[in-house]
Amino acid sequence: MLAAVPRPLRVGVQLPEVEREVRWQEYVDMARAAEGSGFDSIWIGDHLLYRGNGRPERGPWEAWTLLAALAAVTDRVQLGPLVACASFHPPGLIAKMAATVDEVSGGRFVLGLGAGWNEVEYVAFGIPYDHRVTRFEEAFEIVRRLLAGERVTLSGRYWQVEDAVLRPRPRRQVPLMVGSNGKRMLAATLPYVDVWNTWYLDYGNTPEGFVRLNAAVSAAIERAGREPGEVARSACVLVSLVGKAVKRPQDDEVRALEQPMEQIAAGLRELAEAGADEAILIVRPVTEDSIAALGQALAILDS
């Protein structure tokens, strides 16, 4: 019997955010469909509210609560926020929540972090929007040191902790992922993170675009004093299947991977050849059926 061919890259899927209103049981069904179809990970966007641009007011469920619940009803897939906004919670609490979800999941949690961007939700929920990168830099230091097992005291301009420590101790050091291409964000995080992630719009959803962006990130990793291979590369990929897909306005700016499944698998393989270690599929439409159907593309990718 021939040995299985290793998949050229890990493949995850983002579950619905505000494409439509989704209730808990459907999240469970989609997460289990992802596990059954061979996906490696599931992801949840961390937002509070969208409004404006002539579109109806809409918002997702709270991300951390949803992640903890999904951790309890899945067995194999990794899971994490894509990405958690460092401004929405005090950094010590972010570290505490990450350790807790990792415990619930049995060590399957990845902490994706970013600085946030959607001013509407900041204003609506009374969260300061100014100096987001400086706030992130302070928060990131606290979060990553606490998750590394340190006892932390830090008196920053925006965040302060005094003799903070995580108890109970996490079962392991939770992997960190940064979701940003900004120079200051990369400079603050690349000395420490395990994974760098980018959205499909940032590289045009093409292998050629990813090669160019990835080269810039590799240079930034070297400036941070690490070898490029020490940081895994993760790319969100827009995928469009047949059906009534609810699109975001920006989706029209790029060409999505489309059926047949052989073509989707080929596009993912090309992304791996361009340097990606992980593809997180942003599926239009994202349903239990579409996630299950994409299992065919994963099987082709494995062959």
Protein backbone atom coordinates (compact mmCIF):
# COMPACT_ATOMS: atom_id res chain seq x y z
CA MET A 1 0.00 0.00 0.00
CA LEU A 2 1.36 3.41 -0.99
CA ALA A 3 1.91 5.99 1.73
CA ALA A 4 -0.41 8.97 1.70
CA VAL A 5 0.95 12.04 -0.04
CA PRO A 6 1.36 14.89 2.48
CA ARG A 7 -0.96 17.81 1.80
CA PRO A 8 1.09 20.71 0.42
CA LEU A 9 -0.52 23.16 2.84
CA ARG A 10 -2.91 23.27 5.75
CA VAL A 11 -6.44 24.37 4.86
CA GLY A 12 -8.93 26.08 7.14
CA VAL A 13 -12.28 27.80 6.71
CA GLN A 14 -13.80 30.92 8.23
CA LEU A 15 -17.31 30.36 9.57
CA PRO A 16 -19.98 33.02 8.86
CA GLU A 17 -19.57 36.48 10.26
CA VAL A 18 -22.19 38.89 8.86
CA GLU A 19 -22.96 37.32 5.50
CA ARG A 20 -26.31 36.36 7.05
CA GLU A 21 -27.72 35.68 10.50
CA VAL A 22 -26.56 32.27 11.75
CA ARG A 23 -27.77 30.55 14.91
CA TRP A 24 -25.76 28.32 17.22
CA GLN A 25 -26.87 24.93 15.91
CA GLU A 26 -25.80 25.86 12.38
CA TYR A 27 -22.35 26.81 13.66
CA VAL A 28 -22.11 23.38 15.26
CA ASP A 29 -23.18 21.70 12.01
CA MET A 30 -20.67 23.69 9.96
CA ALA A 31 -17.80 23.05 12.39
CA ARG A 32 -18.50 19.33 12.36
CA ALA A 33 -18.81 19.39 8.56
CA ALA A 34 -15.35 20.98 8.43
CA GLU A 35 -13.92 18.23 10.63
CA GLY A 36 -15.61 15.53 8.58
CA SER A 37 -14.50 17.02 5.26
CA GLY A 38 -10.81 17.12 6.15
CA PHE A 39 -10.28 20.78 7.02
CA ASP A 40 -7.43 21.48 9.40
CA SER A 41 -8.90 24.52 11.15
CA ILE A 42 -11.95 26.74 11.66
CA TRP A 43 -11.88 30.48 12.29
CA ILE A 44 -14.21 33.16 13.65
CA GLY A 45 -14.05 36.88 12.84
CA ASP A 46 -13.86 39.23 15.83
CA HIS A 47 -16.20 42.16 15.21
CA LEU A 48 -19.05 43.82 17.06
CA LEU A 49 -21.08 45.83 14.55
CA TYR A 50 -21.20 46.92 10.92
CA ARG A 51 -23.29 49.79 9.59
CA GLY A 52 -23.15 52.32 6.79
CA ASN A 53 -22.26 52.23 3.08
CA GLY A 54 -25.94 51.85 2.26
CA ARG A 55 -26.09 48.37 3.76
CA PRO A 56 -28.34 47.06 6.56
CA GLU A 57 -27.01 47.22 10.11
CA ARG A 58 -25.55 43.84 11.05
CA GLY A 59 -23.29 42.17 13.58
CA PRO A 60 -21.88 38.75 14.47
CA TRP A 61 -22.01 36.84 17.73
CA GLU A 62 -19.27 37.60 20.25
CA ALA A 63 -16.18 35.78 19.01
CA TRP A 64 -14.56 34.50 22.20
CA THR A 65 -17.76 32.96 23.57
CA LEU A 66 -18.38 31.30 20.23
CA LEU A 67 -14.82 29.94 20.04
CA ALA A 68 -15.07 28.38 23.50
CA ALA A 69 -18.36 26.73 22.58
CA LEU A 70 -16.98 25.42 19.27
CA ALA A 71 -13.92 24.09 21.07
CA ALA A 72 -16.22 21.98 23.22
CA VAL A 73 -18.13 20.44 20.28
CA THR A 74 -15.17 19.61 18.02
CA ASP A 75 -12.40 17.07 18.41
CA ARG A 76 -9.66 17.56 15.83
CA VAL A 77 -9.58 20.94 14.08
CA GLN A 78 -7.52 23.87 15.28
CA LEU A 79 -9.54 27.00 15.92
CA GLY A 80 -8.97 30.67 16.53
CA PRO A 81 -10.06 34.26 15.91
CA LEU A 82 -9.36 35.75 12.48
CA VAL A 83 -8.15 37.92 14.08
CA ALA A 84 -8.90 39.04 17.63
CA CYS A 85 -8.94 42.82 18.03
CA ALA A 86 -6.44 43.73 20.74
CA SER A 87 -8.46 46.87 21.57
CA PHE A 88 -11.70 45.13 22.52
CA HIS A 89 -10.47 43.71 25.85
CA PRO A 90 -7.72 44.46 28.37
CA PRO A 91 -4.63 42.49 27.31
CA GLY A 92 -4.43 40.47 30.50
CA LEU A 93 -7.98 39.32 29.89
CA ILE A 94 -7.11 38.38 26.29
CA ALA A 95 -4.31 36.16 27.58
CA LYS A 96 -6.64 34.65 30.18
CA MET A 97 -9.32 33.94 27.57
CA ALA A 98 -6.78 32.43 25.18
CA ALA A 99 -5.47 30.09 27.86
CA THR A 100 -9.03 29.08 28.76
CA VAL A 101 -10.12 28.33 25.18
CA ASP A 102 -6.90 26.39 24.65
CA GLU A 103 -7.73 24.31 27.72
CA VAL A 104 -11.30 23.67 26.55
CA SER A 105 -10.02 22.64 23.10
CA GLY A 106 -7.34 20.31 24.43
CA GLY A 107 -4.52 22.38 22.95
CA ARG A 108 -6.04 23.26 19.55
CA PHE A 109 -6.26 27.05 19.89
CA VAL A 110 -4.29 29.62 17.86
CA LEU A 111 -4.39 33.23 19.02
CA GLY A 112 -4.64 35.50 15.99
CA LEU A 113 -4.24 39.18 16.90
CA GLY A 114 -4.66 42.49 15.08
CA ALA A 115 -5.15 46.18 15.82
CA GLY A 116 -8.70 46.52 14.45
CA TRP A 117 -9.95 48.90 11.77
CA ASN A 118 -13.75 49.35 11.83
CA GLU A 119 -14.29 52.71 13.55
CA VAL A 120 -18.07 52.29 13.61
CA GLU A 121 -17.95 49.48 16.17
CA TYR A 122 -15.41 51.30 18.34
CA VAL A 123 -17.63 54.35 18.60
CA ALA A 124 -20.82 52.32 19.10
CA PHE A 125 -19.37 50.29 21.98
CA GLY A 126 -17.39 53.09 23.63
CA ILE A 127 -13.92 51.77 22.76
CA PRO A 128 -11.10 54.28 22.04
CA TYR A 129 -10.14 54.30 18.35
CA ASP A 130 -7.08 56.57 18.53
CA HIS A 131 -3.45 55.37 18.52
CA ARG A 132 -4.48 51.83 17.64
CA VAL A 133 -0.98 50.62 16.78
CA THR A 134 0.56 52.03 19.97
CA ARG A 135 -2.24 50.45 21.98
CA PHE A 136 -1.60 47.18 20.13
CA GLU A 137 2.14 47.29 20.83
CA GLU A 138 1.55 47.62 24.57
CA ALA A 139 -1.19 44.99 24.58
CA PHE A 140 0.84 42.53 22.54
CA GLU A 141 3.77 42.68 24.95
CA ILE A 142 1.49 41.89 27.88
CA VAL A 143 -0.36 39.09 26.09
CA ARG A 144 2.66 37.29 24.69
CA ARG A 145 4.63 37.52 27.97
CA LEU A 146 1.72 36.18 30.03
CA LEU A 147 1.20 33.30 27.60
CA ALA A 148 4.93 32.60 27.77
CA GLY A 149 4.52 31.95 31.50
CA GLU A 150 5.96 35.22 32.76
CA ARG A 151 4.82 37.30 35.72
CA VAL A 152 4.25 40.70 34.13
CA THR A 153 4.35 44.27 35.37
CA LEU A 154 4.05 46.97 32.72
CA SER A 155 3.06 50.61 32.98
CA GLY A 156 2.26 51.77 29.48
CA ARG A 157 0.52 54.84 28.17
CA TYR A 158 -2.69 52.90 27.51
CA TRP A 159 -2.38 49.54 29.28
CA GLN A 160 -1.08 48.71 32.73
CA VAL A 161 -0.67 45.45 34.63
CA GLU A 162 0.95 44.85 37.99
CA ASP A 163 2.30 41.43 38.94
CA ALA A 164 -0.10 39.74 36.50
CA VAL A 165 0.20 36.00 36.02
CA LEU A 166 -1.96 33.25 34.51
CA ARG A 167 -3.40 30.78 37.01
CA PRO A 168 -4.10 27.96 36.37
CA ARG A 169 -1.02 27.67 34.20
CA PRO A 170 -1.84 26.98 30.53
CA ARG A 171 -1.11 23.42 29.42
CA ARG A 172 1.25 24.81 26.76
CA GLN A 173 2.38 28.10 25.22
CA VAL A 174 -0.48 29.12 22.92
CA PRO A 175 0.69 29.77 19.32
CA LEU A 176 0.51 33.42 18.23
CA MET A 177 -0.51 34.68 14.79
CA VAL A 178 -0.42 38.30 13.60
CA GLY A 179 -2.92 39.49 11.02
CA SER A 180 -1.30 42.57 9.51
CA ASN A 181 1.04 43.84 6.80
CA GLY A 182 1.80 47.17 8.50
CA LYS A 183 5.46 47.95 9.12
CA ARG A 184 5.05 48.86 12.80
CA MET A 185 2.76 45.89 13.44
CA LEU A 186 5.25 43.50 11.85
CA ALA A 187 8.18 45.05 13.69
CA ALA A 188 6.35 44.57 17.01
CA THR A 189 5.24 41.00 16.40
CA LEU A 190 7.62 39.17 14.05
CA PRO A 191 10.29 38.66 16.71
CA TYR A 192 7.77 36.50 18.59
CA VAL A 193 4.86 35.16 16.52
CA ASP A 194 4.54 31.67 15.10
CA VAL A 195 2.37 32.64 12.12
CA TRP A 196 1.80 35.64 9.86
CA ASN A 197 -1.61 35.95 8.16
CA THR A 198 -2.86 38.16 5.34
CA TRP A 199 -6.31 38.88 3.87
CA TYR A 200 -7.04 38.00 0.23
CA LEU A 201 -7.41 41.65 -0.81
CA ASP A 202 -3.85 42.38 0.33
CA TYR A 203 -2.30 40.09 -2.27
CA GLY A 204 -5.02 40.11 -4.90
CA ASN A 205 -6.00 36.47 -4.27
CA THR A 206 -3.30 35.34 -6.73
CA PRO A 207 -0.11 33.29 -6.29
CA GLU A 208 1.88 36.06 -7.97
CA GLY A 209 0.57 38.64 -5.53
CA PHE A 210 1.35 36.36 -2.61
CA VAL A 211 4.93 35.88 -3.81
CA ARG A 212 5.50 39.64 -3.75
CA LEU A 213 3.92 40.19 -0.34
CA ASN A 214 5.59 37.13 1.13
CA ALA A 215 9.01 38.37 0.01
CA ALA A 216 8.45 41.64 1.88
CA VAL A 217 7.41 39.72 5.00
CA SER A 218 10.49 37.47 4.75
CA ALA A 219 12.67 40.58 4.68
CA ALA A 220 10.84 41.93 7.73
CA ILE A 221 11.40 38.62 9.55
CA GLU A 222 15.12 38.86 8.86
CA ARG A 223 15.17 42.44 10.14
CA ALA A 224 13.52 41.10 13.30
CA GLY A 225 16.52 38.80 13.79
CA ARG A 226 14.87 35.52 12.81
CA GLU A 227 15.13 33.11 9.90
CA PRO A 228 12.23 33.34 7.42
CA GLY A 229 11.38 29.68 7.99
CA GLU A 230 10.67 30.33 11.68
CA VAL A 231 7.37 32.07 10.87
CA ALA A 232 4.64 30.14 9.05
CA ARG A 233 2.75 31.92 6.25
CA SER A 234 -1.05 31.94 6.26
CA ALA A 235 -3.23 33.41 3.51
CA CYS A 236 -6.97 33.97 3.42
CA VAL A 237 -8.34 32.84 0.05
CA LEU A 238 -11.63 33.94 -1.51
CA VAL A 239 -13.57 30.97 -2.91
CA SER A 240 -16.87 31.27 -4.78
CA LEU A 241 -19.16 28.29 -5.27
CA VAL A 242 -22.33 27.99 -7.34
CA GLY A 243 -25.34 29.36 -5.48
CA LYS A 244 -26.68 32.55 -4.00
CA ALA A 245 -23.57 33.95 -2.39
CA VAL A 246 -23.77 37.01 -0.16
CA LYS A 247 -20.68 38.99 -1.09
CA ARG A 248 -18.87 41.81 0.57
CA PRO A 249 -18.42 44.84 -1.71
CA GLN A 250 -14.65 44.31 -1.79
CA ASP A 251 -15.04 40.80 -3.23
CA ASP A 252 -15.44 42.32 -6.68
CA GLU A 253 -11.91 43.73 -6.47
CA VAL A 254 -10.34 40.28 -6.92
CA ARG A 255 -11.05 37.08 -8.79
CA ALA A 256 -12.17 34.24 -6.54
CA LEU A 257 -11.18 30.61 -6.90
CA GLU A 258 -14.16 28.93 -8.55
CA GLN A 259 -15.45 25.48 -9.44
CA PRO A 260 -14.80 22.85 -10.66
CA MET A 261 -13.18 21.45 -7.54
CA GLU A 262 -10.11 20.45 -9.55
CA GLN A 263 -9.59 24.12 -10.35
CA ILE A 264 -9.94 25.14 -6.70
CA ALA A 265 -7.45 22.45 -5.67
CA ALA A 266 -5.04 23.62 -8.38
CA GLY A 267 -5.32 27.20 -7.13
CA LEU A 268 -4.52 26.10 -3.59
CA ARG A 269 -1.57 24.06 -4.82
CA GLU A 270 -0.24 27.11 -6.67
CA LEU A 271 -0.56 29.16 -3.47
CA ALA A 272 1.49 26.54 -1.63
CA GLU A 273 4.13 26.72 -4.35
CA ALA A 274 4.14 30.50 -3.88
CA GLY A 275 5.17 30.00 -0.26
CA ALA A 276 1.97 29.61 1.76
CA ASP A 277 1.90 27.09 4.59
CA GLU A 278 -1.81 27.59 5.27
CA ALA A 279 -4.87 28.70 3.30
CA ILE A 280 -7.95 29.90 5.18
CA LEU A 281 -10.91 29.75 2.83
CA ILE A 282 -13.38 32.65 2.79
CA VAL A 283 -16.26 30.89 1.08
CA ARG A 284 -19.18 32.47 -0.77
CA PRO A 285 -21.71 31.18 0.21
CA VAL A 286 -20.53 29.67 3.50
CA THR A 287 -22.94 26.92 4.56
CA GLU A 288 -22.74 23.40 5.88
CA ASP A 289 -23.24 22.13 2.31
CA SER A 290 -20.55 24.34 0.79
CA ILE A 291 -18.03 23.36 3.46
CA ALA A 292 -18.80 19.67 2.92
CA ALA A 293 -18.53 20.09 -0.86
CA LEU A 294 -15.07 21.63 -0.54
CA GLY A 295 -13.94 18.35 0.97
CA GLN A 296 -13.68 17.20 -2.64
CA ALA A 297 -11.09 19.88 -3.35
CA LEU A 298 -9.14 18.86 -0.24
CA ALA A 299 -9.18 15.22 -1.37
CA ILE A 300 -7.80 16.26 -4.77
CA LEU A 301 -5.16 18.38 -3.03
CA ASP A 302 -4.16 15.32 -0.99
CA SER A 303 -3.85 13.05 -4.02
